[in-house]
Amino acid sequence: MTEQEPVELVAPTQIAKGDVIEDPVGHRWLNVTTVRVLTAGGTRSFYGDGPDDRVTFEEDERVKRRMR
């Protein structure tokens, strides 16, 4: 990602299939292909195309998403 690409911080509940989000632990970007709701409160796991493409966020965390 370059400095010019706009990003926004959003709640995990606002992430949908097709979004590109940051994996803060893996220091990379993930193209979301699947979303799984883990708790009623909003904890979600996001999956991409690769075998290691998975990141989970608690409901009170913010996700860095590339703006559409």
PDB file of N, CA and C in Angstrom:
ATOM      1  N   MET A   1       0.845  -1.176   0.000  1.00  0.00           N
ATOM      2  CA  MET A   1       0.000   0.000   0.000  1.00  0.00           C
ATOM      3  C   MET A   1       0.885   1.231   0.000  1.00  0.00           C
ATOM      4  N   THR A   2       0.514   2.201  -0.794  1.00  0.00           N
ATOM      5  CA  THR A   2       1.249   3.451  -0.814  1.00  0.00           C
ATOM      6  C   THR A   2       0.569   4.446   0.117  1.00  0.00           C
ATOM      7  N   GLU A   3       1.261   5.524   0.391  1.00  0.00           N
ATOM      8  CA  GLU A   3       0.725   6.536   1.285  1.00  0.00           C
ATOM      9  C   GLU A   3      -0.520   7.219   0.711  1.00  0.00           C
ATOM     10  N   GLN A   4      -0.688   7.197  -0.633  1.00  0.00           N
ATOM     11  CA  GLN A   4      -1.805   7.897  -1.243  1.00  0.00           C
ATOM     12  C   GLN A   4      -3.120   7.113  -1.187  1.00  0.00           C
ATOM     13  N   GLU A   5      -3.071   5.824  -0.912  1.00  0.00           N
ATOM     14  CA  GLU A   5      -4.299   5.042  -0.900  1.00  0.00           C
ATOM     15  C   GLU A   5      -5.094   5.350   0.370  1.00  0.00           C
ATOM     16  N   PRO A   6      -6.328   5.845   0.207  1.00  0.00           N
ATOM     17  CA  PRO A   6      -7.111   6.214   1.386  1.00  0.00           C
ATOM     18  C   PRO A   6      -7.619   4.983   2.143  1.00  0.00           C
ATOM     19  N   VAL A   7      -7.599   5.094   3.464  1.00  0.00           N
ATOM     20  CA  VAL A   7      -8.111   4.031   4.326  1.00  0.00           C
ATOM     21  C   VAL A   7      -9.065   4.642   5.336  1.00  0.00           C
ATOM     22  N   GLU A   8      -9.859   3.794   5.949  1.00  0.00           N
ATOM     23  CA  GLU A   8     -10.774   4.235   6.995  1.00  0.00           C
ATOM     24  C   GLU A   8     -10.790   3.187   8.099  1.00  0.00           C
ATOM     25  N   LEU A   9     -11.087   3.611   9.320  1.00  0.00           N
ATOM     26  CA  LEU A   9     -11.228   2.702  10.447  1.00  0.00           C
ATOM     27  C   LEU A   9     -12.705   2.466  10.690  1.00  0.00           C
ATOM     28  N   VAL A  10     -13.118   1.203  10.666  1.00  0.00           N
ATOM     29  CA  VAL A  10     -14.533   0.860  10.799  1.00  0.00           C
ATOM     30  C   VAL A  10     -14.702  -0.278  11.795  1.00  0.00           C
ATOM     31  N   ALA A  11     -15.904  -0.466  12.260  1.00  0.00           N
ATOM     32  CA  ALA A  11     -16.234  -1.588  13.137  1.00  0.00           C
ATOM     33  C   ALA A  11     -16.232  -2.882  12.328  1.00  0.00           C
ATOM     34  N   PRO A  12     -15.926  -4.010  12.954  1.00  0.00           N
ATOM     35  CA  PRO A  12     -15.947  -5.291  12.240  1.00  0.00           C
ATOM     36  C   PRO A  12     -17.298  -5.587  11.581  1.00  0.00           C
ATOM     37  N   THR A  13     -18.370  -5.083  12.156  1.00  0.00           N
ATOM     38  CA  THR A  13     -19.702  -5.324  11.595  1.00  0.00           C
ATOM     39  C   THR A  13     -19.911  -4.634  10.246  1.00  0.00           C
ATOM     40  N   GLN A  14     -19.033  -3.699   9.885  1.00  0.00           N
ATOM     41  CA  GLN A  14     -19.165  -2.974   8.620  1.00  0.00           C
ATOM     42  C   GLN A  14     -18.352  -3.601   7.483  1.00  0.00           C
ATOM     43  N   ILE A  15     -17.608  -4.655   7.774  1.00  0.00           N
ATOM     44  CA  ILE A  15     -16.787  -5.307   6.757  1.00  0.00           C
ATOM     45  C   ILE A  15     -17.639  -6.325   6.001  1.00  0.00           C
ATOM     46  N   ALA A  16     -17.486  -6.353   4.686  1.00  0.00           N
ATOM     47  CA  ALA A  16     -18.265  -7.265   3.839  1.00  0.00           C
ATOM     48  C   ALA A  16     -17.349  -7.950   2.827  1.00  0.00           C
ATOM     49  N   LYS A  17     -17.869  -8.974   2.206  1.00  0.00           N
ATOM     50  CA  LYS A  17     -17.150  -9.687   1.149  1.00  0.00           C
ATOM     51  C   LYS A  17     -16.713  -8.681   0.083  1.00  0.00           C
ATOM     52  N   GLY A  18     -15.458  -8.785  -0.339  1.00  0.00           N
ATOM     53  CA  GLY A  18     -14.919  -7.878  -1.345  1.00  0.00           C
ATOM     54  C   GLY A  18     -14.118  -6.729  -0.774  1.00  0.00           C
ATOM     55  N   ASP A  19     -14.262  -6.468   0.537  1.00  0.00           N
ATOM     56  CA  ASP A  19     -13.464  -5.415   1.167  1.00  0.00           C
ATOM     57  C   ASP A  19     -12.007  -5.852   1.268  1.00  0.00           C
ATOM     58  N   VAL A  20     -11.112  -4.896   1.285  1.00  0.00           N
ATOM     59  CA  VAL A  20      -9.690  -5.157   1.498  1.00  0.00           C
ATOM     60  C   VAL A  20      -9.341  -4.554   2.848  1.00  0.00           C
ATOM     61  N   ILE A  21      -8.923  -5.430   3.799  1.00  0.00           N
ATOM     62  CA  ILE A  21      -8.650  -4.999   5.160  1.00  0.00           C
ATOM     63  C   ILE A  21      -7.214  -5.327   5.551  1.00  0.00           C
ATOM     64  N   GLU A  22      -6.745  -4.631   6.580  1.00  0.00           N
ATOM     65  CA  GLU A  22      -5.386  -4.862   7.060  1.00  0.00           C
ATOM     66  C   GLU A  22      -5.367  -5.989   8.082  1.00  0.00           C
ATOM     67  N   ASP A  23      -4.397  -6.870   7.940  1.00  0.00           N
ATOM     68  CA  ASP A  23      -4.084  -7.869   8.957  1.00  0.00           C
ATOM     69  C   ASP A  23      -2.942  -7.256   9.766  1.00  0.00           C
ATOM     70  N   PRO A  24      -3.232  -6.680  10.943  1.00  0.00           N
ATOM     71  CA  PRO A  24      -2.203  -5.961  11.683  1.00  0.00           C
ATOM     72  C   PRO A  24      -1.100  -6.873  12.227  1.00  0.00           C
ATOM     73  N   VAL A  25      -1.389  -8.136  12.438  1.00  0.00           N
ATOM     74  CA  VAL A  25      -0.377  -9.064  12.938  1.00  0.00           C
ATOM     75  C   VAL A  25       0.523  -9.535  11.799  1.00  0.00           C
ATOM     76  N   GLY A  26      -0.083  -9.845  10.658  1.00  0.00           N
ATOM     77  CA  GLY A  26       0.674 -10.328   9.503  1.00  0.00           C
ATOM     78  C   GLY A  26       1.299  -9.216   8.673  1.00  0.00           C
ATOM     79  N   HIS A  27       0.955  -7.964   8.995  1.00  0.00           N
ATOM     80  CA  HIS A  27       1.479  -6.793   8.271  1.00  0.00           C
ATOM     81  C   HIS A  27       1.226  -6.910   6.770  1.00  0.00           C
ATOM     82  N   ARG A  28      -0.031  -7.187   6.434  1.00  0.00           N
ATOM     83  CA  ARG A  28      -0.399  -7.320   5.018  1.00  0.00           C
ATOM     84  C   ARG A  28      -1.873  -6.964   4.866  1.00  0.00           C
ATOM     85  N   TRP A  29      -2.307  -6.971   3.612  1.00  0.00           N
ATOM     86  CA  TRP A  29      -3.696  -6.675   3.287  1.00  0.00           C
ATOM     87  C   TRP A  29      -4.388  -7.955   2.848  1.00  0.00           C
ATOM     88  N   LEU A  30      -5.668  -8.071   3.185  1.00  0.00           N
ATOM     89  CA  LEU A  30      -6.449  -9.271   2.937  1.00  0.00           C
ATOM     90  C   LEU A  30      -7.700  -8.904   2.148  1.00  0.00           C
ATOM     91  N   ASN A  31      -7.934  -9.580   1.032  1.00  0.00           N
ATOM     92  CA  ASN A  31      -9.157  -9.409   0.261  1.00  0.00           C
ATOM     93  C   ASN A  31     -10.195 -10.360   0.845  1.00  0.00           C
ATOM     94  N   VAL A  32     -11.224  -9.831   1.471  1.00  0.00           N
ATOM     95  CA  VAL A  32     -12.215 -10.636   2.193  1.00  0.00           C
ATOM     96  C   VAL A  32     -13.086 -11.420   1.212  1.00  0.00           C
ATOM     97  N   THR A  33     -13.074 -12.750   1.375  1.00  0.00           N
ATOM     98  CA  THR A  33     -13.935 -13.612   0.557  1.00  0.00           C
ATOM     99  C   THR A  33     -15.037 -14.262   1.383  1.00  0.00           C
ATOM    100  N   THR A  34     -14.819 -14.374   2.700  1.00  0.00           N
ATOM    101  CA  THR A  34     -15.805 -14.989   3.600  1.00  0.00           C
ATOM    102  C   THR A  34     -15.786 -14.259   4.936  1.00  0.00           C
ATOM    103  N   VAL A  35     -16.978 -14.061   5.506  1.00  0.00           N
ATOM    104  CA  VAL A  35     -17.116 -13.453   6.827  1.00  0.00           C
ATOM    105  C   VAL A  35     -17.863 -14.442   7.710  1.00  0.00           C
ATOM    106  N   ARG A  36     -17.313 -14.712   8.888  1.00  0.00           N
ATOM    107  CA  ARG A  36     -17.993 -15.588   9.857  1.00  0.00           C
ATOM    108  C   ARG A  36     -18.245 -14.808  11.137  1.00  0.00           C
ATOM    109  N   VAL A  37     -19.497 -14.843  11.595  1.00  0.00           N
ATOM    110  CA  VAL A  37     -19.880 -14.188  12.845  1.00  0.00           C
ATOM    111  C   VAL A  37     -19.645 -15.194  13.969  1.00  0.00           C
ATOM    112  N   LEU A  38     -18.824 -14.805  14.942  1.00  0.00           N
ATOM    113  CA  LEU A  38     -18.473 -15.721  16.025  1.00  0.00           C
ATOM    114  C   LEU A  38     -19.300 -15.505  17.286  1.00  0.00           C
ATOM    115  N   THR A  39     -19.714 -14.258  17.536  1.00  0.00           N
ATOM    116  CA  THR A  39     -20.534 -13.966  18.716  1.00  0.00           C
ATOM    117  C   THR A  39     -21.651 -13.006  18.330  1.00  0.00           C
ATOM    118  N   ALA A  40     -22.690 -12.997  19.137  1.00  0.00           N
ATOM    119  CA  ALA A  40     -23.815 -12.084  18.893  1.00  0.00           C
ATOM    120  C   ALA A  40     -23.380 -10.630  19.048  1.00  0.00           C
ATOM    121  N   GLY A  41     -22.325 -10.397  19.833  1.00  0.00           N
ATOM    122  CA  GLY A  41     -21.852  -9.039  20.071  1.00  0.00           C
ATOM    123  C   GLY A  41     -21.112  -8.421  18.906  1.00  0.00           C
ATOM    124  N   GLY A  42     -20.651  -9.227  17.956  1.00  0.00           N
ATOM    125  CA  GLY A  42     -19.999  -8.659  16.792  1.00  0.00           C
ATOM    126  C   GLY A  42     -18.602  -9.158  16.497  1.00  0.00           C
ATOM    127  N   THR A  43     -18.091 -10.124  17.270  1.00  0.00           N
ATOM    128  CA  THR A  43     -16.774 -10.678  16.947  1.00  0.00           C
ATOM    129  C   THR A  43     -16.880 -11.432  15.632  1.00  0.00           C
ATOM    130  N   ARG A  44     -15.950 -11.122  14.714  1.00  0.00           N
ATOM    131  CA  ARG A  44     -16.007 -11.710  13.384  1.00  0.00           C
ATOM    132  C   ARG A  44     -14.636 -12.169  12.916  1.00  0.00           C
ATOM    133  N   SER A  45     -14.635 -13.235  12.120  1.00  0.00           N
ATOM    134  CA  SER A  45     -13.423 -13.695  11.436  1.00  0.00           C
ATOM    135  C   SER A  45     -13.599 -13.437   9.959  1.00  0.00           C
ATOM    136  N   PHE A  46     -12.527 -12.984   9.335  1.00  0.00           N
ATOM    137  CA  PHE A  46     -12.529 -12.678   7.909  1.00  0.00           C
ATOM    138  C   PHE A  46     -11.510 -13.578   7.228  1.00  0.00           C
ATOM    139  N   TYR A  47     -11.901 -14.145   6.091  1.00  0.00           N
ATOM    140  CA  TYR A  47     -11.066 -15.087   5.359  1.00  0.00           C
ATOM    141  C   TYR A  47     -10.838 -14.582   3.945  1.00  0.00           C
ATOM    142  N   GLY A  48      -9.636 -14.891   3.429  1.00  0.00           N
ATOM    143  CA  GLY A  48      -9.292 -14.566   2.052  1.00  0.00           C
ATOM    144  C   GLY A  48      -9.095 -15.827   1.252  1.00  0.00           C
ATOM    145  N   ASP A  49      -8.374 -15.715   0.133  1.00  0.00           N
ATOM    146  CA  ASP A  49      -8.170 -16.846  -0.773  1.00  0.00           C
ATOM    147  C   ASP A  49      -7.085 -17.815  -0.320  1.00  0.00           C
ATOM    148  N   GLY A  50      -6.091 -17.338   0.400  1.00  0.00           N
ATOM    149  CA  GLY A  50      -4.953 -18.179   0.772  1.00  0.00           C
ATOM    150  C   GLY A  50      -5.193 -18.980   2.035  1.00  0.00           C
ATOM    151  N   PRO A  51      -4.375 -20.007   2.260  1.00  0.00           N
ATOM    152  CA  PRO A  51      -4.548 -20.860   3.438  1.00  0.00           C
ATOM    153  C   PRO A  51      -4.288 -20.125   4.751  1.00  0.00           C
ATOM    154  N   ASP A  52      -3.504 -19.072   4.719  1.00  0.00           N
ATOM    155  CA  ASP A  52      -3.215 -18.302   5.930  1.00  0.00           C
ATOM    156  C   ASP A  52      -3.971 -16.986   5.974  1.00  0.00           C
ATOM    157  N   ASP A  53      -4.896 -16.794   5.076  1.00  0.00           N
ATOM    158  CA  ASP A  53      -5.659 -15.544   4.996  1.00  0.00           C
ATOM    159  C   ASP A  53      -6.840 -15.579   5.958  1.00  0.00           C
ATOM    160  N   ARG A  54      -6.550 -15.280   7.229  1.00  0.00           N
ATOM    161  CA  ARG A  54      -7.609 -15.225   8.239  1.00  0.00           C
ATOM    162  C   ARG A  54      -7.218 -14.210   9.300  1.00  0.00           C
ATOM    163  N   VAL A  55      -8.176 -13.390   9.703  1.00  0.00           N
ATOM    164  CA  VAL A  55      -7.964 -12.424  10.781  1.00  0.00           C
ATOM    165  C   VAL A  55      -9.282 -12.280  11.536  1.00  0.00           C
ATOM    166  N   THR A  56      -9.188 -12.150  12.857  1.00  0.00           N
ATOM    167  CA  THR A  56     -10.371 -12.038  13.708  1.00  0.00           C
ATOM    168  C   THR A  56     -10.299 -10.734  14.489  1.00  0.00           C
ATOM    169  N   PHE A  57     -11.446 -10.067  14.578  1.00  0.00           N
ATOM    170  CA  PHE A  57     -11.542  -8.827  15.338  1.00  0.00           C
ATOM    171  C   PHE A  57     -12.686  -8.933  16.338  1.00  0.00           C
ATOM    172  N   GLU A  58     -12.440  -8.443  17.549  1.00  0.00           N
ATOM    173  CA  GLU A  58     -13.488  -8.329  18.562  1.00  0.00           C
ATOM    174  C   GLU A  58     -14.396  -7.168  18.199  1.00  0.00           C
ATOM    175  N   GLU A  59     -15.586  -7.161  18.774  1.00  0.00           N
ATOM    176  CA  GLU A  59     -16.576  -6.146  18.424  1.00  0.00           C
ATOM    177  C   GLU A  59     -16.149  -4.726  18.772  1.00  0.00           C
ATOM    178  N   ASP A  60     -15.269  -4.541  19.756  1.00  0.00           N
ATOM    179  CA  ASP A  60     -14.865  -3.192  20.138  1.00  0.00           C
ATOM    180  C   ASP A  60     -13.592  -2.715  19.428  1.00  0.00           C
ATOM    181  N   GLU A  61     -13.006  -3.553  18.579  1.00  0.00           N
ATOM    182  CA  GLU A  61     -11.823  -3.159  17.817  1.00  0.00           C
ATOM    183  C   GLU A  61     -12.240  -2.424  16.539  1.00  0.00           C
ATOM    184  N   ARG A  62     -11.288  -1.751  15.934  1.00  0.00           N
ATOM    185  CA  ARG A  62     -11.512  -1.098  14.648  1.00  0.00           C
ATOM    186  C   ARG A  62     -10.652  -1.785  13.603  1.00  0.00           C
ATOM    187  N   VAL A  63     -11.201  -1.873  12.404  1.00  0.00           N
ATOM    188  CA  VAL A  63     -10.530  -2.533  11.280  1.00  0.00           C
ATOM    189  C   VAL A  63     -10.114  -1.463  10.274  1.00  0.00           C
ATOM    190  N   LYS A  64      -8.881  -1.543   9.809  1.00  0.00           N
ATOM    191  CA  LYS A  64      -8.415  -0.613   8.777  1.00  0.00           C
ATOM    192  C   LYS A  64      -8.802  -1.197   7.428  1.00  0.00           C
ATOM    193  N   ARG A  65      -9.649  -0.457   6.707  1.00  0.00           N
ATOM    194  CA  ARG A  65     -10.163  -0.910   5.415  1.00  0.00           C
ATOM    195  C   ARG A  65      -9.791   0.100   4.334  1.00  0.00           C
ATOM    196  N   ARG A  66      -9.369  -0.415   3.188  1.00  0.00           N
ATOM    197  CA  ARG A  66      -9.148   0.478   2.044  1.00  0.00           C
ATOM    198  C   ARG A  66     -10.500   1.011   1.615  1.00  0.00           C
ATOM    199  N   MET A  67     -10.522   2.297   1.354  1.00  0.00           N
ATOM    200  CA  MET A  67     -11.786   2.913   0.932  1.00  0.00           C
ATOM    201  C   MET A  67     -12.138   2.441  -0.464  1.00  0.00           C
ATOM    202  N   ARG A  68     -13.417   2.267  -0.694  1.00  0.00           N
ATOM    203  CA  ARG A  68     -13.918   1.751  -1.976  1.00  0.00           C
ATOM    204  C   ARG A  68     -13.967   2.844  -3.014  1.00  0.00           C
TER     205      ARG A  68
END
